[in-house]
N, C-alpha and C. Protein backbone atom coordinates (compact mmCIF):
# COMPACT_ATOMS: atom_id res chain seq x y z
N MET A 1 0.85 -1.18 0.00
CA MET A 1 0.00 0.00 0.00
C MET A 1 0.89 1.24 0.00
N SER A 2 0.67 2.16 -0.85
CA SER A 2 1.52 3.34 -0.92
C SER A 2 1.00 4.42 0.00
N ARG A 3 1.89 5.36 0.33
CA ARG A 3 1.51 6.45 1.20
C ARG A 3 0.49 7.35 0.52
N ARG A 4 0.47 7.39 -0.81
CA ARG A 4 -0.52 8.19 -1.52
C ARG A 4 -1.93 7.67 -1.27
N GLN A 5 -2.05 6.38 -1.04
CA GLN A 5 -3.37 5.80 -0.81
C GLN A 5 -3.83 5.99 0.63
N LEU A 6 -2.89 6.03 1.55
CA LEU A 6 -3.23 6.15 2.97
C LEU A 6 -2.08 6.86 3.66
N GLU A 7 -2.37 7.97 4.30
CA GLU A 7 -1.32 8.71 4.99
C GLU A 7 -0.81 7.89 6.17
N VAL A 8 0.48 7.69 6.20
CA VAL A 8 1.08 6.89 7.26
C VAL A 8 1.56 7.83 8.35
N THR A 9 0.97 7.71 9.52
CA THR A 9 1.30 8.55 10.66
C THR A 9 1.95 7.70 11.74
N PRO A 10 2.63 8.30 12.70
CA PRO A 10 3.17 7.52 13.82
C PRO A 10 2.10 6.72 14.55
N ASP A 11 0.92 7.29 14.75
CA ASP A 11 -0.16 6.57 15.43
C ASP A 11 -0.58 5.33 14.64
N LEU A 12 -0.64 5.46 13.32
CA LEU A 12 -0.99 4.31 12.49
C LEU A 12 0.08 3.23 12.59
N VAL A 13 1.34 3.63 12.60
CA VAL A 13 2.43 2.65 12.72
C VAL A 13 2.32 1.88 14.04
N ILE A 14 2.03 2.56 15.13
CA ILE A 14 1.89 1.90 16.42
C ILE A 14 0.73 0.91 16.39
N ARG A 15 -0.39 1.30 15.82
CA ARG A 15 -1.54 0.39 15.72
C ARG A 15 -1.18 -0.83 14.87
N ALA A 16 -0.42 -0.60 13.81
CA ALA A 16 -0.02 -1.72 12.95
C ALA A 16 0.85 -2.71 13.71
N TYR A 17 1.84 -2.23 14.44
CA TYR A 17 2.69 -3.13 15.20
C TYR A 17 1.89 -3.93 16.23
N ALA A 18 0.95 -3.27 16.87
CA ALA A 18 0.12 -3.96 17.86
C ALA A 18 -0.72 -5.05 17.21
N ALA A 19 -0.99 -4.93 15.91
CA ALA A 19 -1.74 -5.95 15.17
C ALA A 19 -0.82 -6.96 14.49
N GLY A 20 0.50 -6.81 14.66
CA GLY A 20 1.44 -7.76 14.07
C GLY A 20 1.85 -7.43 12.65
N VAL A 21 1.66 -6.18 12.23
CA VAL A 21 1.97 -5.76 10.87
C VAL A 21 3.04 -4.68 10.93
N PHE A 22 3.96 -4.65 9.95
CA PHE A 22 5.02 -3.65 9.97
C PHE A 22 5.25 -3.09 8.57
N PRO A 23 5.78 -1.87 8.49
CA PRO A 23 5.97 -1.21 7.19
C PRO A 23 7.38 -1.40 6.64
N MET A 24 7.49 -1.41 5.33
CA MET A 24 8.77 -1.38 4.64
C MET A 24 8.59 -0.56 3.36
N ALA A 25 9.66 0.06 2.90
CA ALA A 25 9.63 0.78 1.64
C ALA A 25 10.31 -0.06 0.56
N GLU A 26 10.06 0.29 -0.68
CA GLU A 26 10.66 -0.44 -1.79
C GLU A 26 12.17 -0.23 -1.83
N SER A 27 12.61 0.98 -1.50
CA SER A 27 14.03 1.32 -1.55
C SER A 27 14.25 2.59 -0.75
N ARG A 28 15.50 2.95 -0.59
CA ARG A 28 15.85 4.16 0.16
C ARG A 28 15.19 5.39 -0.46
N GLY A 29 15.16 5.47 -1.76
CA GLY A 29 14.63 6.66 -2.42
C GLY A 29 13.17 6.57 -2.81
N SER A 30 12.49 5.50 -2.40
CA SER A 30 11.10 5.30 -2.81
C SER A 30 10.12 6.07 -1.93
N ASP A 31 9.00 6.47 -2.53
CA ASP A 31 7.92 7.07 -1.75
C ASP A 31 6.78 6.08 -1.54
N ARG A 32 7.02 4.82 -1.87
CA ARG A 32 6.01 3.77 -1.68
C ARG A 32 6.35 2.96 -0.45
N MET A 33 5.31 2.68 0.33
CA MET A 33 5.47 1.93 1.56
C MET A 33 4.47 0.77 1.58
N TYR A 34 4.89 -0.36 2.07
CA TYR A 34 4.04 -1.54 2.11
C TYR A 34 3.92 -2.05 3.53
N TRP A 35 2.79 -2.70 3.82
CA TRP A 35 2.57 -3.33 5.12
C TRP A 35 2.77 -4.83 4.97
N LEU A 36 3.58 -5.41 5.83
CA LEU A 36 3.89 -6.84 5.75
C LEU A 36 3.34 -7.58 6.95
N ASP A 37 2.85 -8.79 6.69
CA ASP A 37 2.31 -9.68 7.72
C ASP A 37 2.71 -11.10 7.32
N PRO A 38 3.99 -11.45 7.51
CA PRO A 38 4.51 -12.71 6.97
C PRO A 38 3.83 -13.95 7.55
N ALA A 39 3.79 -15.00 6.72
CA ALA A 39 3.22 -16.28 7.18
C ALA A 39 4.08 -16.90 8.26
N LEU A 40 5.39 -16.66 8.21
CA LEU A 40 6.32 -17.12 9.24
C LEU A 40 7.02 -15.91 9.82
N ARG A 41 7.19 -15.89 11.14
CA ARG A 41 7.78 -14.73 11.81
C ARG A 41 9.03 -15.14 12.57
N GLY A 42 10.08 -14.33 12.45
CA GLY A 42 11.30 -14.58 13.21
C GLY A 42 11.17 -14.08 14.63
N VAL A 43 11.56 -14.92 15.59
CA VAL A 43 11.49 -14.57 17.01
C VAL A 43 12.80 -14.96 17.68
N LEU A 44 13.39 -14.03 18.39
CA LEU A 44 14.63 -14.28 19.12
C LEU A 44 14.29 -14.58 20.58
N PRO A 45 14.56 -15.80 21.05
CA PRO A 45 14.16 -16.17 22.41
C PRO A 45 14.83 -15.30 23.48
N LEU A 46 14.05 -14.92 24.48
CA LEU A 46 14.58 -14.17 25.61
C LEU A 46 14.61 -15.00 26.89
N ASP A 47 14.11 -16.23 26.82
CA ASP A 47 13.95 -17.04 28.03
C ASP A 47 14.96 -18.18 28.14
N GLY A 48 16.14 -18.01 27.59
CA GLY A 48 17.16 -19.05 27.70
C GLY A 48 17.59 -19.61 26.37
N GLY A 49 16.92 -19.29 25.28
CA GLY A 49 17.27 -19.84 23.98
C GLY A 49 18.22 -18.98 23.18
N PHE A 50 18.68 -17.88 23.75
CA PHE A 50 19.62 -17.01 23.04
C PHE A 50 20.99 -17.65 23.00
N HIS A 51 21.59 -17.72 21.82
CA HIS A 51 22.90 -18.34 21.65
C HIS A 51 23.99 -17.27 21.72
N LEU A 52 24.87 -17.41 22.69
CA LEU A 52 25.96 -16.46 22.87
C LEU A 52 27.27 -17.23 23.01
N SER A 53 28.15 -17.07 22.05
CA SER A 53 29.43 -17.78 22.12
C SER A 53 30.32 -17.17 23.19
N ARG A 54 31.27 -17.95 23.66
CA ARG A 54 32.20 -17.46 24.67
C ARG A 54 33.01 -16.29 24.12
N ARG A 55 33.42 -16.38 22.86
CA ARG A 55 34.21 -15.31 22.27
C ARG A 55 33.43 -14.00 22.23
N LEU A 56 32.16 -14.06 21.79
CA LEU A 56 31.38 -12.84 21.70
C LEU A 56 31.04 -12.32 23.10
N ARG A 57 30.82 -13.21 24.05
CA ARG A 57 30.59 -12.75 25.42
C ARG A 57 31.80 -11.96 25.93
N ARG A 58 32.99 -12.49 25.68
CA ARG A 58 34.20 -11.77 26.11
C ARG A 58 34.28 -10.40 25.46
N THR A 59 33.96 -10.33 24.17
CA THR A 59 34.00 -9.04 23.47
C THR A 59 32.97 -8.08 24.04
N ALA A 60 31.76 -8.58 24.28
CA ALA A 60 30.69 -7.73 24.80
C ALA A 60 31.01 -7.21 26.19
N LEU A 61 31.77 -7.97 26.95
CA LEU A 61 32.11 -7.58 28.33
C LEU A 61 33.43 -6.82 28.41
N SER A 62 34.13 -6.73 27.31
CA SER A 62 35.43 -6.06 27.31
C SER A 62 35.24 -4.54 27.18
N ASP A 63 36.36 -3.84 27.17
CA ASP A 63 36.32 -2.39 27.01
C ASP A 63 36.48 -1.97 25.55
N ARG A 64 36.38 -2.92 24.63
CA ARG A 64 36.60 -2.57 23.23
C ARG A 64 35.60 -1.52 22.76
N PHE A 65 34.31 -1.75 23.06
CA PHE A 65 33.28 -0.81 22.65
C PHE A 65 32.65 -0.13 23.86
N THR A 66 32.21 1.09 23.66
CA THR A 66 31.29 1.73 24.59
C THR A 66 29.89 1.52 24.04
N VAL A 67 28.99 1.02 24.88
CA VAL A 67 27.63 0.71 24.43
C VAL A 67 26.65 1.62 25.16
N THR A 68 25.75 2.23 24.40
CA THR A 68 24.76 3.13 24.96
C THR A 68 23.37 2.77 24.43
N ALA A 69 22.35 3.34 25.04
CA ALA A 69 20.97 3.15 24.58
C ALA A 69 20.32 4.52 24.42
N ASP A 70 19.69 4.74 23.30
CA ASP A 70 18.96 5.98 23.01
C ASP A 70 19.85 7.22 23.05
N LYS A 71 21.14 7.07 22.90
CA LYS A 71 22.02 8.23 22.89
C LYS A 71 22.00 8.93 21.54
N ASP A 72 21.91 8.16 20.45
CA ASP A 72 21.91 8.75 19.10
C ASP A 72 20.99 7.92 18.21
N PHE A 73 19.68 8.02 18.46
CA PHE A 73 18.72 7.23 17.68
C PHE A 73 18.81 7.61 16.21
N ALA A 74 18.87 8.91 15.91
CA ALA A 74 18.93 9.35 14.52
C ALA A 74 20.16 8.80 13.83
N GLY A 75 21.30 8.77 14.53
CA GLY A 75 22.51 8.21 13.96
C GLY A 75 22.40 6.72 13.72
N ALA A 76 21.71 6.01 14.63
CA ALA A 76 21.55 4.57 14.49
C ALA A 76 20.69 4.23 13.28
N ILE A 77 19.59 4.93 13.09
CA ILE A 77 18.73 4.59 11.96
C ILE A 77 19.39 5.01 10.65
N ARG A 78 20.16 6.10 10.67
CA ARG A 78 20.91 6.46 9.46
C ARG A 78 21.95 5.40 9.13
N GLY A 79 22.60 4.86 10.16
CA GLY A 79 23.57 3.80 9.93
C GLY A 79 22.93 2.56 9.33
N CYS A 80 21.73 2.23 9.80
CA CYS A 80 21.01 1.08 9.27
C CYS A 80 20.58 1.30 7.82
N ALA A 81 20.39 2.56 7.43
CA ALA A 81 19.91 2.87 6.08
C ALA A 81 21.04 3.00 5.06
N GLU A 82 22.29 3.06 5.52
CA GLU A 82 23.39 3.28 4.58
C GLU A 82 23.76 2.00 3.85
N PRO A 83 24.33 2.09 2.67
CA PRO A 83 24.77 0.89 1.94
C PRO A 83 25.80 0.10 2.76
N ALA A 84 25.81 -1.20 2.55
CA ALA A 84 26.73 -2.08 3.26
C ALA A 84 27.22 -3.15 2.29
N PRO A 85 28.30 -3.84 2.63
CA PRO A 85 28.78 -4.91 1.75
C PRO A 85 27.67 -5.91 1.44
N GLY A 86 27.43 -6.16 0.15
CA GLY A 86 26.39 -7.08 -0.27
C GLY A 86 25.01 -6.47 -0.30
N ARG A 87 24.90 -5.17 0.04
CA ARG A 87 23.60 -4.51 0.04
C ARG A 87 23.78 -3.07 -0.40
N SER A 88 23.42 -2.79 -1.63
CA SER A 88 23.60 -1.45 -2.17
C SER A 88 22.41 -0.54 -1.88
N ASP A 89 21.29 -1.12 -1.46
CA ASP A 89 20.10 -0.32 -1.19
C ASP A 89 19.45 -0.85 0.09
N THR A 90 18.42 -0.17 0.55
CA THR A 90 17.77 -0.51 1.81
C THR A 90 16.29 -0.25 1.71
N TRP A 91 15.52 -0.85 2.62
CA TRP A 91 14.08 -0.62 2.69
C TRP A 91 13.74 0.57 3.57
N ILE A 92 14.75 1.19 4.18
CA ILE A 92 14.52 2.32 5.08
C ILE A 92 14.53 3.61 4.26
N SER A 93 13.37 4.07 3.88
CA SER A 93 13.25 5.28 3.08
C SER A 93 13.33 6.50 3.98
N ASP A 94 13.40 7.67 3.35
CA ASP A 94 13.39 8.92 4.12
C ASP A 94 12.12 9.03 4.96
N GLU A 95 11.01 8.58 4.42
CA GLU A 95 9.74 8.65 5.14
C GLU A 95 9.75 7.73 6.35
N ILE A 96 10.25 6.50 6.20
CA ILE A 96 10.34 5.59 7.35
C ILE A 96 11.28 6.17 8.39
N GLU A 97 12.38 6.73 7.96
CA GLU A 97 13.31 7.36 8.91
C GLU A 97 12.61 8.47 9.68
N ARG A 98 11.87 9.31 8.99
CA ARG A 98 11.16 10.40 9.65
C ARG A 98 10.15 9.86 10.65
N LEU A 99 9.39 8.85 10.26
CA LEU A 99 8.37 8.27 11.14
C LEU A 99 8.99 7.70 12.41
N PHE A 100 10.10 6.99 12.26
CA PHE A 100 10.69 6.34 13.43
C PHE A 100 11.42 7.32 14.34
N VAL A 101 11.96 8.37 13.77
CA VAL A 101 12.54 9.42 14.63
C VAL A 101 11.43 10.06 15.47
N GLU A 102 10.26 10.24 14.89
CA GLU A 102 9.14 10.77 15.65
C GLU A 102 8.66 9.77 16.70
N LEU A 103 8.64 8.48 16.35
CA LEU A 103 8.27 7.45 17.34
C LEU A 103 9.27 7.43 18.49
N HIS A 104 10.54 7.65 18.18
CA HIS A 104 11.53 7.75 19.25
C HIS A 104 11.25 8.95 20.14
N ARG A 105 10.92 10.08 19.53
CA ARG A 105 10.61 11.27 20.31
C ARG A 105 9.42 11.02 21.24
N ARG A 106 8.48 10.18 20.81
CA ARG A 106 7.30 9.87 21.62
C ARG A 106 7.55 8.75 22.62
N GLY A 107 8.73 8.13 22.58
CA GLY A 107 9.06 7.10 23.55
C GLY A 107 8.75 5.68 23.13
N PHE A 108 8.44 5.46 21.85
CA PHE A 108 8.11 4.12 21.38
C PHE A 108 9.27 3.42 20.67
N ALA A 109 10.13 4.17 20.02
CA ALA A 109 11.25 3.58 19.28
C ALA A 109 12.55 3.83 20.04
N HIS A 110 13.44 2.81 20.02
CA HIS A 110 14.66 2.87 20.82
C HIS A 110 15.84 2.33 20.03
N SER A 111 17.01 2.69 20.49
CA SER A 111 18.23 2.25 19.81
C SER A 111 19.27 1.80 20.83
N VAL A 112 20.15 0.92 20.36
CA VAL A 112 21.36 0.56 21.10
C VAL A 112 22.52 0.90 20.17
N GLU A 113 23.51 1.63 20.69
CA GLU A 113 24.63 2.09 19.87
C GLU A 113 25.95 1.55 20.40
N THR A 114 26.86 1.22 19.50
CA THR A 114 28.22 0.85 19.89
C THR A 114 29.17 1.90 19.35
N TRP A 115 30.12 2.30 20.20
CA TRP A 115 31.06 3.38 19.90
C TRP A 115 32.48 2.89 20.03
N LEU A 116 33.35 3.38 19.19
CA LEU A 116 34.77 3.06 19.24
C LEU A 116 35.55 4.36 19.08
N ASP A 117 36.30 4.69 20.10
CA ASP A 117 37.08 5.94 20.09
C ASP A 117 36.20 7.15 19.77
N GLY A 118 34.99 7.15 20.35
CA GLY A 118 34.09 8.27 20.17
C GLY A 118 33.31 8.28 18.88
N ARG A 119 33.49 7.27 18.03
CA ARG A 119 32.78 7.19 16.75
C ARG A 119 31.67 6.14 16.83
N LEU A 120 30.51 6.47 16.27
CA LEU A 120 29.42 5.50 16.19
C LEU A 120 29.77 4.46 15.13
N VAL A 121 29.97 3.21 15.55
CA VAL A 121 30.43 2.19 14.61
C VAL A 121 29.43 1.04 14.43
N GLY A 122 28.34 1.06 15.17
CA GLY A 122 27.36 0.00 15.02
C GLY A 122 26.16 0.26 15.90
N GLY A 123 25.11 -0.53 15.67
CA GLY A 123 23.93 -0.37 16.50
C GLY A 123 22.70 -0.99 15.86
N LEU A 124 21.57 -0.74 16.48
CA LEU A 124 20.29 -1.27 16.03
C LEU A 124 19.18 -0.38 16.56
N TYR A 125 17.98 -0.60 16.02
CA TYR A 125 16.82 0.14 16.54
C TYR A 125 15.58 -0.72 16.39
N GLY A 126 14.55 -0.35 17.14
CA GLY A 126 13.29 -1.08 17.08
C GLY A 126 12.22 -0.35 17.86
N VAL A 127 11.07 -1.00 17.97
CA VAL A 127 9.89 -0.43 18.62
C VAL A 127 9.54 -1.27 19.83
N ALA A 128 9.15 -0.60 20.92
CA ALA A 128 8.74 -1.30 22.14
C ALA A 128 7.28 -0.99 22.44
N LEU A 129 6.49 -2.06 22.60
CA LEU A 129 5.09 -1.93 23.00
C LEU A 129 4.80 -2.99 24.05
N GLY A 130 4.36 -2.59 25.23
CA GLY A 130 4.13 -3.57 26.29
C GLY A 130 5.38 -4.37 26.54
N GLY A 131 5.26 -5.69 26.53
CA GLY A 131 6.41 -6.57 26.71
C GLY A 131 6.98 -7.09 25.41
N ALA A 132 6.67 -6.43 24.30
CA ALA A 132 7.17 -6.84 22.98
C ALA A 132 8.15 -5.80 22.45
N PHE A 133 9.26 -6.29 21.89
CA PHE A 133 10.20 -5.42 21.19
C PHE A 133 10.28 -5.91 19.76
N PHE A 134 10.11 -4.98 18.82
CA PHE A 134 10.12 -5.30 17.39
C PHE A 134 11.44 -4.78 16.80
N GLY A 135 12.39 -5.68 16.60
CA GLY A 135 13.67 -5.28 16.05
C GLY A 135 13.54 -4.94 14.58
N GLU A 136 14.06 -3.80 14.19
CA GLU A 136 13.91 -3.33 12.82
C GLU A 136 15.15 -3.59 11.96
N SER A 137 16.29 -3.13 12.39
CA SER A 137 17.49 -3.25 11.58
C SER A 137 18.71 -3.01 12.44
N MET A 138 19.87 -3.46 11.97
CA MET A 138 21.11 -3.17 12.67
C MET A 138 22.22 -2.95 11.64
N PHE A 139 23.31 -2.32 12.09
CA PHE A 139 24.40 -2.03 11.18
C PHE A 139 25.72 -2.15 11.91
N SER A 140 26.78 -2.32 11.12
CA SER A 140 28.12 -2.46 11.69
C SER A 140 29.13 -1.86 10.74
N ARG A 141 29.96 -0.99 11.27
CA ARG A 141 31.05 -0.40 10.49
C ARG A 141 32.40 -1.02 10.81
N VAL A 142 32.45 -1.76 11.92
CA VAL A 142 33.65 -2.52 12.29
C VAL A 142 33.21 -3.88 12.80
N THR A 143 34.10 -4.83 12.80
CA THR A 143 33.79 -6.21 13.20
C THR A 143 33.18 -6.25 14.60
N ASP A 144 32.09 -6.98 14.73
CA ASP A 144 31.40 -7.27 15.99
C ASP A 144 30.57 -6.12 16.53
N ALA A 145 30.56 -4.97 15.90
CA ALA A 145 29.84 -3.83 16.46
C ALA A 145 28.34 -4.08 16.59
N SER A 146 27.72 -4.63 15.55
CA SER A 146 26.28 -4.90 15.63
C SER A 146 25.99 -6.10 16.53
N LYS A 147 26.89 -7.08 16.53
CA LYS A 147 26.69 -8.26 17.39
C LYS A 147 26.70 -7.86 18.86
N VAL A 148 27.62 -7.00 19.22
CA VAL A 148 27.68 -6.54 20.62
C VAL A 148 26.42 -5.75 20.96
N ALA A 149 25.94 -4.93 20.03
CA ALA A 149 24.69 -4.21 20.26
C ALA A 149 23.53 -5.18 20.49
N LEU A 150 23.49 -6.27 19.73
CA LEU A 150 22.42 -7.26 19.90
C LEU A 150 22.51 -7.94 21.25
N VAL A 151 23.71 -8.28 21.69
CA VAL A 151 23.88 -8.90 23.01
C VAL A 151 23.39 -7.96 24.10
N HIS A 152 23.76 -6.71 23.99
CA HIS A 152 23.30 -5.72 24.98
C HIS A 152 21.79 -5.52 24.91
N LEU A 153 21.23 -5.58 23.71
CA LEU A 153 19.78 -5.47 23.60
C LEU A 153 19.09 -6.61 24.34
N VAL A 154 19.53 -7.84 24.12
CA VAL A 154 18.90 -8.99 24.78
C VAL A 154 19.00 -8.86 26.29
N ALA A 155 20.17 -8.48 26.79
CA ALA A 155 20.33 -8.30 28.23
C ALA A 155 19.37 -7.22 28.74
N ARG A 156 19.27 -6.13 28.02
CA ARG A 156 18.41 -5.02 28.44
C ARG A 156 16.93 -5.43 28.41
N LEU A 157 16.52 -6.14 27.37
CA LEU A 157 15.13 -6.58 27.30
C LEU A 157 14.78 -7.50 28.45
N ARG A 158 15.68 -8.41 28.79
CA ARG A 158 15.43 -9.31 29.91
C ARG A 158 15.33 -8.54 31.23
N LEU A 159 16.22 -7.59 31.42
CA LEU A 159 16.22 -6.81 32.65
C LEU A 159 14.98 -5.93 32.78
N CYS A 160 14.46 -5.49 31.65
CA CYS A 160 13.31 -4.58 31.66
C CYS A 160 11.97 -5.31 31.60
N GLY A 161 11.99 -6.64 31.59
CA GLY A 161 10.75 -7.40 31.65
C GLY A 161 10.09 -7.73 30.34
N PHE A 162 10.79 -7.57 29.22
CA PHE A 162 10.21 -7.92 27.92
C PHE A 162 10.16 -9.44 27.76
N VAL A 163 9.15 -9.92 27.03
CA VAL A 163 8.97 -11.36 26.86
C VAL A 163 8.98 -11.80 25.40
N LEU A 164 8.97 -10.84 24.46
CA LEU A 164 8.95 -11.17 23.04
C LEU A 164 9.90 -10.25 22.30
N CYS A 165 10.79 -10.84 21.50
CA CYS A 165 11.68 -10.07 20.62
C CYS A 165 11.43 -10.53 19.20
N ASP A 166 10.74 -9.70 18.45
CA ASP A 166 10.34 -9.99 17.07
C ASP A 166 11.46 -9.51 16.13
N THR A 167 11.99 -10.41 15.31
CA THR A 167 13.01 -10.04 14.33
C THR A 167 12.44 -9.93 12.92
N GLN A 168 11.13 -10.07 12.79
CA GLN A 168 10.42 -10.01 11.51
C GLN A 168 10.71 -11.24 10.65
N PHE A 169 11.95 -11.40 10.21
CA PHE A 169 12.30 -12.53 9.36
C PHE A 169 13.45 -13.31 10.00
N LEU A 170 13.65 -14.52 9.53
CA LEU A 170 14.78 -15.34 9.96
C LEU A 170 15.88 -15.26 8.91
N THR A 171 17.05 -14.82 9.32
CA THR A 171 18.22 -14.80 8.44
C THR A 171 19.27 -15.75 8.99
N ALA A 172 20.24 -16.10 8.16
CA ALA A 172 21.32 -16.97 8.62
C ALA A 172 22.07 -16.32 9.79
N HIS A 173 22.23 -15.02 9.71
CA HIS A 173 22.93 -14.29 10.79
C HIS A 173 22.16 -14.40 12.09
N LEU A 174 20.85 -14.15 12.05
CA LEU A 174 20.05 -14.21 13.27
C LEU A 174 19.90 -15.63 13.79
N ALA A 175 19.91 -16.61 12.90
CA ALA A 175 19.79 -18.01 13.32
C ALA A 175 20.95 -18.41 14.23
N ARG A 176 22.11 -17.82 14.02
CA ARG A 176 23.27 -18.13 14.85
C ARG A 176 23.06 -17.73 16.30
N PHE A 177 22.14 -16.79 16.52
CA PHE A 177 21.85 -16.34 17.88
C PHE A 177 20.64 -17.04 18.48
N GLY A 178 20.08 -18.00 17.75
CA GLY A 178 18.95 -18.76 18.28
C GLY A 178 17.60 -18.34 17.76
N THR A 179 17.56 -17.41 16.82
CA THR A 179 16.28 -16.98 16.26
C THR A 179 15.59 -18.15 15.55
N VAL A 180 14.29 -18.25 15.75
CA VAL A 180 13.50 -19.31 15.14
C VAL A 180 12.32 -18.69 14.40
N GLU A 181 11.73 -19.47 13.50
CA GLU A 181 10.51 -19.05 12.81
C GLU A 181 9.31 -19.72 13.45
N ILE A 182 8.24 -18.94 13.63
CA ILE A 182 6.99 -19.52 14.13
C ILE A 182 5.86 -19.10 13.21
N PRO A 183 4.79 -19.91 13.11
CA PRO A 183 3.66 -19.56 12.23
C PRO A 183 2.96 -18.28 12.69
N LYS A 184 2.31 -17.64 11.73
CA LYS A 184 1.64 -16.37 12.00
C LYS A 184 0.67 -16.46 13.18
N ALA A 185 -0.14 -17.52 13.21
CA ALA A 185 -1.14 -17.64 14.27
C ALA A 185 -0.48 -17.72 15.65
N GLU A 186 0.60 -18.48 15.75
CA GLU A 186 1.32 -18.57 17.02
C GLU A 186 1.93 -17.22 17.39
N TYR A 187 2.48 -16.56 16.39
CA TYR A 187 3.08 -15.25 16.66
C TYR A 187 2.03 -14.27 17.17
N LYS A 188 0.86 -14.24 16.52
CA LYS A 188 -0.17 -13.29 16.94
C LYS A 188 -0.63 -13.58 18.36
N ALA A 189 -0.71 -14.86 18.74
CA ALA A 189 -1.10 -15.20 20.10
C ALA A 189 -0.04 -14.74 21.09
N ARG A 190 1.23 -14.97 20.76
CA ARG A 190 2.31 -14.54 21.65
C ARG A 190 2.39 -13.02 21.72
N LEU A 191 2.13 -12.35 20.61
CA LEU A 191 2.13 -10.91 20.61
C LEU A 191 1.02 -10.36 21.50
N ALA A 192 -0.19 -10.90 21.38
CA ALA A 192 -1.31 -10.43 22.19
C ALA A 192 -0.99 -10.56 23.68
N ALA A 193 -0.37 -11.68 24.05
CA ALA A 193 -0.01 -11.87 25.46
C ALA A 193 1.08 -10.89 25.87
N ALA A 194 2.06 -10.67 25.00
CA ALA A 194 3.17 -9.78 25.33
C ALA A 194 2.71 -8.34 25.49
N LEU A 195 1.73 -7.92 24.71
CA LEU A 195 1.25 -6.54 24.81
C LEU A 195 0.63 -6.25 26.16
N GLU A 196 0.22 -7.27 26.88
CA GLU A 196 -0.38 -7.10 28.20
C GLU A 196 0.67 -7.05 29.32
N VAL A 197 1.92 -7.31 28.97
CA VAL A 197 2.99 -7.32 29.97
C VAL A 197 3.48 -5.90 30.21
N PRO A 198 3.55 -5.46 31.46
CA PRO A 198 3.94 -4.07 31.76
C PRO A 198 5.45 -3.86 31.78
N ALA A 199 6.12 -4.21 30.70
CA ALA A 199 7.56 -3.97 30.60
C ALA A 199 7.80 -2.49 30.35
N ARG A 200 9.00 -2.03 30.69
CA ARG A 200 9.32 -0.62 30.48
C ARG A 200 10.79 -0.49 30.08
N TRP A 201 11.01 0.04 28.89
CA TRP A 201 12.38 0.26 28.41
C TRP A 201 13.07 1.30 29.30
N VAL A 202 14.28 0.98 29.75
CA VAL A 202 15.07 1.90 30.56
C VAL A 202 16.40 2.11 29.84
N ALA A 203 16.66 3.34 29.45
CA ALA A 203 17.88 3.63 28.69
C ALA A 203 19.10 3.79 29.58
N THR A 204 18.89 4.01 30.88
CA THR A 204 19.99 4.37 31.77
C THR A 204 20.36 3.27 32.76
N LEU A 205 20.24 2.02 32.35
CA LEU A 205 20.65 0.93 33.23
C LEU A 205 22.14 1.01 33.52
N ALA A 206 22.51 0.69 34.74
CA ALA A 206 23.92 0.75 35.12
C ALA A 206 24.73 -0.29 34.34
N ASP A 207 25.94 0.08 33.96
CA ASP A 207 26.79 -0.82 33.16
C ASP A 207 27.00 -2.15 33.87
N GLU A 208 27.20 -2.11 35.18
CA GLU A 208 27.48 -3.36 35.91
C GLU A 208 26.26 -4.27 35.95
N VAL A 209 25.06 -3.68 35.91
CA VAL A 209 23.83 -4.49 35.91
C VAL A 209 23.69 -5.20 34.56
N VAL A 210 23.92 -4.48 33.47
CA VAL A 210 23.85 -5.08 32.14
C VAL A 210 24.93 -6.15 31.98
N ALA A 211 26.15 -5.86 32.47
CA ALA A 211 27.24 -6.82 32.37
C ALA A 211 26.91 -8.10 33.12
N ALA A 212 26.30 -8.00 34.28
CA ALA A 212 25.93 -9.19 35.04
C ALA A 212 24.90 -10.02 34.28
N GLU A 213 23.98 -9.36 33.60
CA GLU A 213 22.98 -10.09 32.82
C GLU A 213 23.62 -10.78 31.62
N ILE A 214 24.59 -10.12 30.99
CA ILE A 214 25.30 -10.75 29.87
C ILE A 214 26.05 -11.98 30.35
N ARG A 215 26.66 -11.92 31.51
CA ARG A 215 27.37 -13.09 32.05
C ARG A 215 26.41 -14.24 32.31
N ALA A 216 25.16 -13.92 32.60
CA ALA A 216 24.18 -14.96 32.92
C ALA A 216 23.62 -15.65 31.68
N LEU A 217 23.79 -15.03 30.51
CA LEU A 217 23.29 -15.66 29.28
C LEU A 217 24.07 -16.93 29.01
N ARG A 218 23.39 -17.97 28.64
CA ARG A 218 24.05 -19.27 28.49
C ARG A 218 24.89 -19.31 27.22
N ASP A 219 25.85 -20.21 27.17
CA ASP A 219 26.68 -20.38 26.00
C ASP A 219 25.83 -20.95 24.86
N GLY A 220 26.14 -20.50 23.64
CA GLY A 220 25.49 -21.05 22.46
C GLY A 220 26.53 -21.63 21.54
N ALA A 221 26.18 -21.69 20.25
CA ALA A 221 27.09 -22.24 19.27
C ALA A 221 28.34 -21.37 19.16
N GLN A 222 29.47 -22.00 18.97
CA GLN A 222 30.71 -21.25 18.85
C GLN A 222 30.82 -20.59 17.49
N GLU A 223 31.42 -19.40 17.47
CA GLU A 223 31.59 -18.70 16.19
C GLU A 223 32.91 -19.09 15.56
């Protein structure tokens, strides 16, 4: 459905996510936006099924990166929209970027950023509703930057009481972290239950609290 047929507002986007539907654009420069409701949905387990290798745990707990939340949401979504190896274009159009920056301003969209020597080198963003977090995209400008952001996201979601992490689709990259596909009907049931959970995103969790949660994540497949 294009924006010319129906004006897409932040309120409409929130209602769509609550119904299990999400928007994508044809390309970075496109003014057309579509609503997707896949038959199979990617879900990253938060209750013990997250795969974290010993090597990545060490990296996430080291001083290599500084990790923040909601410090530079606009920078994170711009990073996700930029070309990357193997991907010359993106589904994050200017309109989607504008909508999600506004959702962030309203407290619905959030980011995790990784920094190296003061430079933003990786991160991710998504939407939080009730106890559900809808992961949208992530980016990396140096090795492990987005992976460390994902580890910190999982720790933060667990600490804040979230019960569902929606990845939209299953990719080979996400599968390494334990992401699975579930049928639409099961996803909608889990989403409905998650929306009733009074989770609350907290951007200012103490570093030592997040680090302790990362240490508690079980080992997964080795990288």
